[in-house]
C-alpha atoms as a PDB file:
ATOM      1  CA  MET A   1     -19.954  68.279  38.450  1.00  0.00           C
ATOM      2  CA  ILE A   2     -16.874  69.716  37.507  1.00  0.00           C
ATOM      3  CA  GLY A   3     -17.670  73.475  36.643  1.00  0.00           C
ATOM      4  CA  ASN A   4     -15.242  74.952  33.857  1.00  0.00           C
ATOM      5  CA  VAL A   5     -13.781  78.564  34.020  1.00  0.00           C
ATOM      6  CA  LEU A   6     -13.190  80.652  31.098  1.00  0.00           C
ATOM      7  CA  HIS A   7     -10.378  83.147  31.015  1.00  0.00           C
ATOM      8  CA  PRO A   8      -9.976  85.333  28.508  1.00  0.00           C
ATOM      9  CA  ARG A   9      -7.042  85.329  26.158  1.00  0.00           C
ATOM     10  CA  ILE A  10      -5.347  88.644  25.715  1.00  0.00           C
ATOM     11  CA  VAL A  11      -3.731  88.878  22.136  1.00  0.00           C
ATOM     12  CA  GLU A  12      -1.433  91.851  22.088  1.00  0.00           C
ATOM     13  CA  ASN A  13      -1.630  93.545  18.832  1.00  0.00           C
ATOM     14  CA  LYS A  14       2.011  93.702  17.241  1.00  0.00           C
ATOM     15  CA  ASP A  15       0.756  94.690  13.511  1.00  0.00           C
ATOM     16  CA  TRP A  16       1.367  97.978  13.914  1.00  0.00           C
ATOM     17  CA  ALA A  17       5.321  97.143  14.803  1.00  0.00           C
ATOM     18  CA  THR A  18       5.490  94.888  12.020  1.00  0.00           C
ATOM     19  CA  ALA A  19       4.315  97.643   9.918  1.00  0.00           C
ATOM     20  CA  LEU A  20       7.003 100.249  10.876  1.00  0.00           C
ATOM     21  CA  PHE A  21       9.759  97.734  11.005  1.00  0.00           C
ATOM     22  CA  ILE A  22       9.082  96.907   7.236  1.00  0.00           C
ATOM     23  CA  PHE A  23       8.756 100.348   6.361  1.00  0.00           C
ATOM     24  CA  ALA A  24      11.788 101.019   8.007  1.00  0.00           C
ATOM     25  CA  PHE A  25      13.602  98.148   6.021  1.00  0.00           C
ATOM     26  CA  VAL A  26      11.683  99.349   2.346  1.00  0.00           C
ATOM     27  CA  LEU A  27      13.504 103.064   3.392  1.00  0.00           C
ATOM     28  CA  ILE A  28      16.956 101.267   3.819  1.00  0.00           C
ATOM     29  CA  ALA A  29      16.519  99.310   0.876  1.00  0.00           C
ATOM     30  CA  ILE A  30      15.497 102.220  -1.644  1.00  0.00           C
ATOM     31  CA  ALA A  31      18.609 104.479  -0.008  1.00  0.00           C
ATOM     32  CA  LYS A  32      20.688 101.430  -1.090  1.00  0.00           C
ATOM     33  CA  SER A  33      19.470 101.046  -4.395  1.00  0.00           C
ATOM     34  CA  MET A  34      19.285 104.955  -5.217  1.00  0.00           C
ATOM     35  CA  PHE A  35      22.456 105.743  -3.377  1.00  0.00           C
ATOM     36  CA  GLU A  36      24.777 102.546  -4.148  1.00  0.00           C
ATOM     37  CA  ASN A  37      28.198 103.779  -3.659  1.00  0.00           C
ATOM     38  CA  ARG A  38      27.065 106.379  -1.099  1.00  0.00           C
ATOM     39  CA  PHE A  39      25.482 103.308   0.812  1.00  0.00           C
ATOM     40  CA  ASN A  40      28.344 101.237   0.488  1.00  0.00           C
ATOM     41  CA  GLU A  41      30.707 103.906   2.131  1.00  0.00           C
ATOM     42  CA  PHE A  42      28.135 104.775   4.961  1.00  0.00           C
ATOM     43  CA  SER A  43      28.194 100.822   5.838  1.00  0.00           C
ATOM     44  CA  ARG A  44      31.920 101.028   6.581  1.00  0.00           C
ATOM     45  CA  LEU A  45      31.317 104.149   8.728  1.00  0.00           C
ATOM     46  CA  ILE A  46      32.638 102.439  11.557  1.00  0.00           C
ATOM     47  CA  VAL A  47      35.883 101.330  10.310  1.00  0.00           C
ATOM     48  CA  SER A  48      36.594 104.333   7.725  1.00  0.00           C
ATOM     49  CA  ASP A  49      35.937 107.740   7.923  1.00  0.00           C
ATOM     50  CA  LYS A  50      35.700 108.238   3.914  1.00  0.00           C
ATOM     51  CA  TYR A  51      31.962 108.773   3.866  1.00  0.00           C
ATOM     52  CA  ILE A  52      32.370 111.667   6.682  1.00  0.00           C
ATOM     53  CA  LYS A  53      35.286 113.211   4.128  1.00  0.00           C
ATOM     54  CA  VAL A  54      33.426 112.759   0.949  1.00  0.00           C
ATOM     55  CA  TYR A  55      30.254 113.772   2.234  1.00  0.00           C
ATOM     56  CA  ARG A  56      31.256 116.633   4.677  1.00  0.00           C
ATOM     57  CA  ASP A  57      29.272 119.644   2.773  1.00  0.00           C
ATOM     58  CA  SER A  58      26.658 121.215   4.891  1.00  0.00           C
ATOM     59  CA  SER A  59      24.109 120.711   2.091  1.00  0.00           C
ATOM     60  CA  GLN A  60      24.200 116.998   2.447  1.00  0.00           C
ATOM     61  CA  MET A  61      22.078 117.506   5.526  1.00  0.00           C
ATOM     62  CA  SER A  62      18.759 117.528   3.740  1.00  0.00           C
ATOM     63  CA  SER A  63      19.700 115.314   1.091  1.00  0.00           C
ATOM     64  CA  TRP A  64      17.218 112.637   0.618  1.00  0.00           C
ATOM     65  CA  PHE A  65      19.940 109.959   1.689  1.00  0.00           C
ATOM     66  CA  THR A  66      20.222 112.054   4.985  1.00  0.00           C
ATOM     67  CA  VAL A  67      16.514 112.216   5.557  1.00  0.00           C
ATOM     68  CA  SER A  68      15.644 108.846   4.800  1.00  0.00           C
ATOM     69  CA  LEU A  69      17.919 107.229   7.240  1.00  0.00           C
ATOM     70  CA  PHE A  70      17.282 109.983   9.635  1.00  0.00           C
ATOM     71  CA  ILE A  71      13.475 108.625   9.784  1.00  0.00           C
ATOM     72  CA  VAL A  72      15.129 105.231  10.052  1.00  0.00           C
ATOM     73  CA  GLN A  73      16.985 106.278  13.186  1.00  0.00           C
ATOM     74  CA  LEU A  74      13.933 107.948  14.804  1.00  0.00           C
ATOM     75  CA  ILE A  75      11.921 104.903  14.202  1.00  0.00           C
ATOM     76  CA  SER A  76      14.743 102.552  15.754  1.00  0.00           C
ATOM     77  CA  LEU A  77      15.869 104.480  18.455  1.00  0.00           C
ATOM     78  CA  SER A  78      12.254 105.127  19.503  1.00  0.00           C
ATOM     79  CA  PHE A  79      11.767 101.221  19.459  1.00  0.00           C
ATOM     80  CA  PHE A  80      14.762 100.769  21.554  1.00  0.00           C
ATOM     81  CA  ILE A  81      13.679 103.359  24.354  1.00  0.00           C
ATOM     82  CA  GLN A  82      10.207 101.576  24.636  1.00  0.00           C
ATOM     83  CA  LEU A  83      11.722  98.428  24.640  1.00  0.00           C
ATOM     84  CA  ILE A  84      14.189  99.279  27.427  1.00  0.00           C
ATOM     85  CA  PHE A  85      10.941 100.683  29.295  1.00  0.00           C
ATOM     86  CA  HIS A  86       9.394  97.562  28.935  1.00  0.00           C
ATOM     87  CA  THR A  87      12.054  95.477  30.226  1.00  0.00           C
ATOM     88  CA  PHE A  88      12.193  97.463  33.375  1.00  0.00           C
ATOM     89  CA  GLY A  89       8.530  97.187  33.853  1.00  0.00           C
ATOM     90  CA  ILE A  90       7.502 100.682  33.224  1.00  0.00           C
ATOM     91  CA  VAL A  91       5.389 100.218  29.993  1.00  0.00           C
ATOM     92  CA  SER A  92       4.256  97.465  27.609  1.00  0.00           C
ATOM     93  CA  LYS A  93       6.253  97.255  24.453  1.00  0.00           C
ATOM     94  CA  THR A  94       3.097  96.525  22.269  1.00  0.00           C
ATOM     95  CA  ASP A  95       1.550  99.960  23.325  1.00  0.00           C
ATOM     96  CA  TRP A  96       1.520 101.791  20.141  1.00  0.00           C
ATOM     97  CA  LEU A  97       0.309 104.987  21.985  1.00  0.00           C
ATOM     98  CA  ILE A  98       3.522 105.127  24.182  1.00  0.00           C
ATOM     99  CA  TYR A  99       5.550 104.519  20.894  1.00  0.00           C
ATOM    100  CA  ILE A 100       4.143 107.652  19.186  1.00  0.00           C
ATOM    101  CA  GLN A 101       4.647 109.638  22.436  1.00  0.00           C
ATOM    102  CA  ILE A 102       8.270 108.406  22.195  1.00  0.00           C
ATOM    103  CA  PHE A 103       8.764 109.241  18.865  1.00  0.00           C
ATOM    104  CA  THR A 104       7.022 112.400  19.010  1.00  0.00           C
ATOM    105  CA  PHE A 105       9.417 113.077  21.695  1.00  0.00           C
ATOM    106  CA  LEU A 106      12.401 112.051  20.307  1.00  0.00           C
ATOM    107  CA  THR A 107      11.704 114.165  17.191  1.00  0.00           C
ATOM    108  CA  PHE A 108      10.800 117.462  18.856  1.00  0.00           C
ATOM    109  CA  TYR A 109      14.332 116.909  21.282  1.00  0.00           C
ATOM    110  CA  ILE A 110      16.540 116.427  18.104  1.00  0.00           C
ATOM    111  CA  LEU A 111      15.024 119.076  15.766  1.00  0.00           C
ATOM    112  CA  SER A 112      14.909 121.636  18.582  1.00  0.00           C
ATOM    113  CA  LYS A 113      18.317 120.684  19.884  1.00  0.00           C
ATOM    114  CA  TYR A 114      19.369 121.173  16.093  1.00  0.00           C
ATOM    115  CA  LEU A 115      17.829 124.944  15.740  1.00  0.00           C
ATOM    116  CA  ILE A 116      19.111 125.658  19.137  1.00  0.00           C
ATOM    117  CA  GLU A 117      23.053 124.758  17.937  1.00  0.00           C
ATOM    118  CA  LEU A 118      22.204 126.511  14.710  1.00  0.00           C
ATOM    119  CA  ILE A 119      21.616 129.964  16.738  1.00  0.00           C
ATOM    120  CA  ILE A 120      24.483 129.577  19.173  1.00  0.00           C
ATOM    121  CA  ALA A 121      26.850 128.651  16.203  1.00  0.00           C
ATOM    122  CA  THR A 122      25.878 132.004  14.836  1.00  0.00           C
ATOM    123  CA  ALA A 123      26.253 134.149  17.757  1.00  0.00           C
ATOM    124  CA  PHE A 124      29.718 132.388  18.409  1.00  0.00           C
ATOM    125  CA  ASP A 125      30.782 132.869  14.773  1.00  0.00           C
ATOM    126  CA  ILE A 126      31.414 129.097  14.513  1.00  0.00           C
ATOM    127  CA  GLU A 127      28.598 128.058  11.839  1.00  0.00           C
ATOM    128  CA  GLU A 128      31.059 126.280   9.454  1.00  0.00           C
ATOM    129  CA  PHE A 129      32.309 124.072  12.135  1.00  0.00           C
ATOM    130  CA  VAL A 130      29.016 123.449  13.596  1.00  0.00           C
ATOM    131  CA  ALA A 131      27.339 122.613  10.376  1.00  0.00           C
ATOM    132  CA  GLN A 132      30.103 119.906   9.486  1.00  0.00           C
ATOM    133  CA  TYR A 133      30.058 118.732  13.132  1.00  0.00           C
ATOM    134  CA  ASN A 134      25.862 118.142  13.078  1.00  0.00           C
ATOM    135  CA  LEU A 135      26.118 116.541   9.900  1.00  0.00           C
ATOM    136  CA  GLN A 136      29.237 114.130  11.406  1.00  0.00           C
ATOM    137  CA  LYS A 137      26.806 113.205  14.433  1.00  0.00           C
ATOM    138  CA  VAL A 138      23.641 112.821  12.220  1.00  0.00           C
ATOM    139  CA  SER A 139      25.852 110.388   9.927  1.00  0.00           C
ATOM    140  CA  TYR A 140      27.100 108.401  12.929  1.00  0.00           C
ATOM    141  CA  ARG A 141      24.032 108.566  14.919  1.00  0.00           C
ATOM    142  CA  THR A 142      22.194 107.057  11.747  1.00  0.00           C
ATOM    143  CA  TYR A 143      24.499 104.320  11.683  1.00  0.00           C
ATOM    144  CA  ILE A 144      23.777 103.718  15.077  1.00  0.00           C
ATOM    145  CA  GLY A 145      20.067 103.794  14.229  1.00  0.00           C
ATOM    146  CA  VAL A 146      20.484 101.313  11.428  1.00  0.00           C
ATOM    147  CA  PHE A 147      22.560  98.750  13.435  1.00  0.00           C
ATOM    148  CA  LEU A 148      19.817  99.018  16.205  1.00  0.00           C
ATOM    149  CA  LEU A 149      16.922  97.889  13.710  1.00  0.00           C
ATOM    150  CA  PRO A 150      17.552  94.098  13.404  1.00  0.00           C
ATOM    151  CA  ILE A 151      18.391  94.068  17.296  1.00  0.00           C
ATOM    152  CA  ASN A 152      14.855  95.982  17.757  1.00  0.00           C
ATOM    153  CA  CYS A 153      13.312  93.245  16.075  1.00  0.00           C
ATOM    154  CA  PHE A 154      14.776  90.191  17.843  1.00  0.00           C
ATOM    155  CA  LEU A 155      14.110  92.332  21.079  1.00  0.00           C
ATOM    156  CA  PHE A 156      10.366  92.920  20.154  1.00  0.00           C
ATOM    157  CA  TYR A 157       9.514  89.380  19.064  1.00  0.00           C
ATOM    158  CA  TYR A 158      11.348  87.408  21.216  1.00  0.00           C
ATOM    159  CA  GLU A 159       9.641  87.284  24.768  1.00  0.00           C
ATOM    160  CA  SER A 160      12.179  86.203  27.119  1.00  0.00           C
ATOM    161  CA  VAL A 161      14.683  89.086  27.013  1.00  0.00           C
ATOM    162  CA  SER A 162      16.745  89.308  29.982  1.00  0.00           C
ATOM    163  CA  LYS A 163      18.014  92.587  31.651  1.00  0.00           C
ATOM    164  CA  GLU A 164      21.469  91.466  31.321  1.00  0.00           C
ATOM    165  CA  LEU A 165      21.262  91.337  27.536  1.00  0.00           C
ATOM    166  CA  LEU A 166      19.658  94.883  27.246  1.00  0.00           C
ATOM    167  CA  LEU A 167      22.120  96.020  29.405  1.00  0.00           C
ATOM    168  CA  VAL A 168      24.697  94.481  27.093  1.00  0.00           C
ATOM    169  CA  PHE A 169      23.129  96.075  23.811  1.00  0.00           C
ATOM    170  CA  ILE A 170      22.942  99.635  26.164  1.00  0.00           C
ATOM    171  CA  THR A 171      26.420  99.409  26.648  1.00  0.00           C
ATOM    172  CA  LEU A 172      27.522  98.841  23.177  1.00  0.00           C
ATOM    173  CA  VAL A 173      25.407 101.763  21.849  1.00  0.00           C
ATOM    174  CA  LEU A 174      26.708 103.921  24.547  1.00  0.00           C
ATOM    175  CA  LEU A 175      30.239 102.951  23.729  1.00  0.00           C
ATOM    176  CA  ILE A 176      29.789 103.634  20.115  1.00  0.00           C
ATOM    177  CA  ASN A 177      28.450 106.647  20.577  1.00  0.00           C
ATOM    178  CA  LEU A 178      31.367 107.703  22.850  1.00  0.00           C
ATOM    179  CA  PHE A 179      33.864 106.644  20.008  1.00  0.00           C
ATOM    180  CA  THR A 180      32.127 108.617  17.359  1.00  0.00           C
ATOM    181  CA  TYR A 181      32.608 111.640  19.833  1.00  0.00           C
ATOM    182  CA  LEU A 182      36.092 110.919  19.942  1.00  0.00           C
ATOM    183  CA  ILE A 183      36.421 110.607  16.264  1.00  0.00           C
ATOM    184  CA  SER A 184      34.703 114.094  15.668  1.00  0.00           C
ATOM    185  CA  LEU A 185      37.322 115.594  17.949  1.00  0.00           C
ATOM    186  CA  LYS A 186      40.036 114.099  16.181  1.00  0.00           C
ATOM    187  CA  ASN A 187      39.066 115.425  13.049  1.00  0.00           C
ATOM    188  CA  TYR A 188      38.163 119.063  13.871  1.00  0.00           C
ATOM    189  CA  GLN A 189      41.251 119.236  16.541  1.00  0.00           C
ATOM    190  CA  ASN A 190      42.474 121.796  14.285  1.00  0.00           C
ATOM    191  CA  ILE A 191      39.613 124.005  14.329  1.00  0.00           C
ATOM    192  CA  LEU A 192      38.991 123.419  18.061  1.00  0.00           C
ATOM    193  CA  LEU A 193      42.126 124.668  19.126  1.00  0.00           C
ATOM    194  CA  GLY A 194      41.093 128.177  17.863  1.00  0.00           C
ATOM    195  CA  LYS A 195      37.843 128.308  19.187  1.00  0.00           C
ATOM    196  CA  LEU A 196      38.249 126.049  22.404  1.00  0.00           C
ATOM    197  CA  PHE A 197      36.342 128.125  24.813  1.00  0.00           C
ATOM    198  CA  TYR A 198      33.277 128.737  22.575  1.00  0.00           C
ATOM    199  CA  PHE A 199      33.137 124.968  22.041  1.00  0.00           C
ATOM    200  CA  ILE A 200      33.529 124.031  25.889  1.00  0.00           C
ATOM    201  CA  LEU A 201      30.303 126.193  26.164  1.00  0.00           C
ATOM    202  CA  TYR A 202      28.647 124.566  23.371  1.00  0.00           C
ATOM    203  CA  LEU A 203      29.799 120.995  24.696  1.00  0.00           C
ATOM    204  CA  CYS A 204      28.420 121.862  28.232  1.00  0.00           C
ATOM    205  CA  ALA A 205      24.881 123.498  27.250  1.00  0.00           C
ATOM    206  CA  LEU A 206      24.125 121.303  24.494  1.00  0.00           C
ATOM    207  CA  GLU A 207      25.837 118.002  24.488  1.00  0.00           C
ATOM    208  CA  ILE A 208      26.056 117.431  28.141  1.00  0.00           C
ATOM    209  CA  ALA A 209      23.186 119.440  30.078  1.00  0.00           C
ATOM    210  CA  PRO A 210      20.302 117.944  27.987  1.00  0.00           C
ATOM    211  CA  TYR A 211      21.083 114.578  28.891  1.00  0.00           C
ATOM    212  CA  TYR A 212      21.931 115.091  32.492  1.00  0.00           C
ATOM    213  CA  PHE A 213      18.721 116.856  33.063  1.00  0.00           C
ATOM    214  CA  MET A 214      16.785 113.992  31.184  1.00  0.00           C
ATOM    215  CA  TYR A 215      18.472 111.288  33.625  1.00  0.00           C
ATOM    216  CA  TYR A 216      17.704 113.432  36.489  1.00  0.00           C
ATOM    217  CA  TRP A 217      13.821 113.914  35.552  1.00  0.00           C
ATOM    218  CA  PHE A 218      13.707 109.854  34.930  1.00  0.00           C
ATOM    219  CA  THR A 219      15.460 108.641  37.770  1.00  0.00           C
ATOM    220  CA  LYS A 220      13.432 111.383  40.227  1.00  0.00           C
ATOM    221  CA  ASN A 221      10.044 110.300  38.466  1.00  0.00           C
END
């Protein structure tokens, strides 16, 4: 007599991720419908700096368009980080508790870094430059977040993602980020020449050191 051995089938819950993806795409659709011209300029940000020149006022940082797409950026980057960890066998991509932790840490890191930048800008008397520089960084990084959203959907629902493919996406994101930094430096080169020493201190303290310490912590742990 042959006995049948039953193994429990583990079904991963992806409903929370689907809801977040839909929410992010809805935010993008609303932003596009309410600010059609602005969104069209934003969509060409990688090939044209017209959006930066038109919406360079610091008050734009708190506009509904910027805030809504900033939320999309947080959702998208948090997914991308979790997918990287999953591909290298650190966490499960369907663990919503891990996602909440990553999302919370990313939000806290970005907002706290922004507040520290404002304090340092006031101390160095470069408030206007830092305000415009931050708005430009937010715009480009939001663009990267929106760009990553469909990629995240593919990586999340496709079960056989190779490390090589993920490394290609990581390299692409890093190159785009580097490209945006170079554009920022080019756009503000006249201001930077007058406050070069303060900008070097700002760059080392808030643009290089945090990423170095995170890399050091991650590799050691």
